Amino acid sequence: MATELRIEPVFDALKQPLSLIENDERRRAIETYIEAARVPLERAVQDLLSQIVAGIDEKTGDHY
């Protein structure tokens, strides 16, 4: 059974501090960068979670 990875909260967290930037042009530039980084960041999160799951499986696989 596959579980959908919801990564939107990660991007929401990255965007929250944007409200602290008073310069509209600078804020838009940073938001554009965050959106451009979406695919590589999604992949990095998936890879990290895969490593975590593999580590857990390695440590507990023989018990279950």
Protein backbone atom coordinates (compact mmCIF):
# COMPACT_ATOMS: atom_id res chain seq x y z
CA MET A 1 0.00 0.00 0.00
CA ALA A 2 1.63 3.26 -1.14
CA THR A 3 1.26 6.37 0.95
CA GLU A 4 1.24 9.76 -0.72
CA LEU A 5 4.04 12.01 0.46
CA ARG A 6 2.61 15.41 1.38
CA ILE A 7 5.47 17.86 1.07
CA GLU A 8 3.37 21.03 0.90
CA PRO A 9 3.86 21.71 4.65
CA VAL A 10 7.61 21.98 3.98
CA PHE A 11 7.02 24.69 1.38
CA ASP A 12 4.50 26.43 3.62
CA ALA A 13 7.15 26.54 6.35
CA LEU A 14 9.69 27.99 3.93
CA LYS A 15 7.23 30.68 2.85
CA GLN A 16 6.09 31.76 6.34
CA PRO A 17 9.08 34.06 7.00
CA LEU A 18 8.49 35.85 3.69
CA SER A 19 5.98 38.07 5.47
CA LEU A 20 8.92 39.56 7.40
CA ILE A 21 10.50 40.92 4.20
CA GLU A 22 9.25 44.44 3.59
CA ASN A 23 10.68 44.81 0.08
CA ASP A 24 8.10 43.41 -2.35
CA GLU A 25 10.62 42.76 -5.12
CA ARG A 26 12.96 40.89 -2.78
CA ARG A 27 10.07 38.86 -1.34
CA ARG A 28 8.89 37.86 -4.84
CA ALA A 29 12.44 36.88 -5.82
CA ILE A 30 12.78 34.61 -2.80
CA GLU A 31 9.35 33.09 -3.39
CA THR A 32 10.33 32.42 -7.02
CA TYR A 33 13.48 30.68 -5.78
CA ILE A 34 11.46 28.53 -3.37
CA GLU A 35 9.14 27.47 -6.19
CA ALA A 36 12.11 26.75 -8.49
CA ALA A 37 13.59 24.53 -5.77
CA ARG A 38 10.37 22.51 -5.39
CA VAL A 39 11.36 19.46 -7.46
CA PRO A 40 14.90 19.08 -6.04
CA LEU A 41 13.62 19.62 -2.51
CA GLU A 42 10.83 17.07 -2.96
CA ARG A 43 13.43 14.57 -4.17
CA ALA A 44 15.73 15.35 -1.24
CA VAL A 45 12.88 14.82 1.26
CA GLN A 46 11.93 11.53 -0.42
CA ASP A 47 15.54 10.36 -0.37
CA LEU A 48 15.88 11.30 3.30
CA LEU A 49 12.71 9.45 4.23
CA SER A 50 13.85 6.41 2.23
CA GLN A 51 17.13 6.39 4.14
CA ILE A 52 15.26 6.62 7.44
CA VAL A 53 12.94 3.76 6.49
CA ALA A 54 15.86 1.64 5.26
CA GLY A 55 17.69 2.27 8.53
CA ILE A 56 14.66 1.29 10.59
CA ASP A 57 14.12 -1.80 8.44
CA GLU A 58 17.77 -2.77 8.83
CA LYS A 59 17.58 -2.50 12.62
CA THR A 60 14.19 -4.14 13.10
CA GLY A 61 13.72 -6.37 10.04
CA ASP A 62 14.87 -9.54 11.75
CA HIS A 63 12.38 -9.04 14.60
CA TYR A 64 9.29 -8.73 12.40
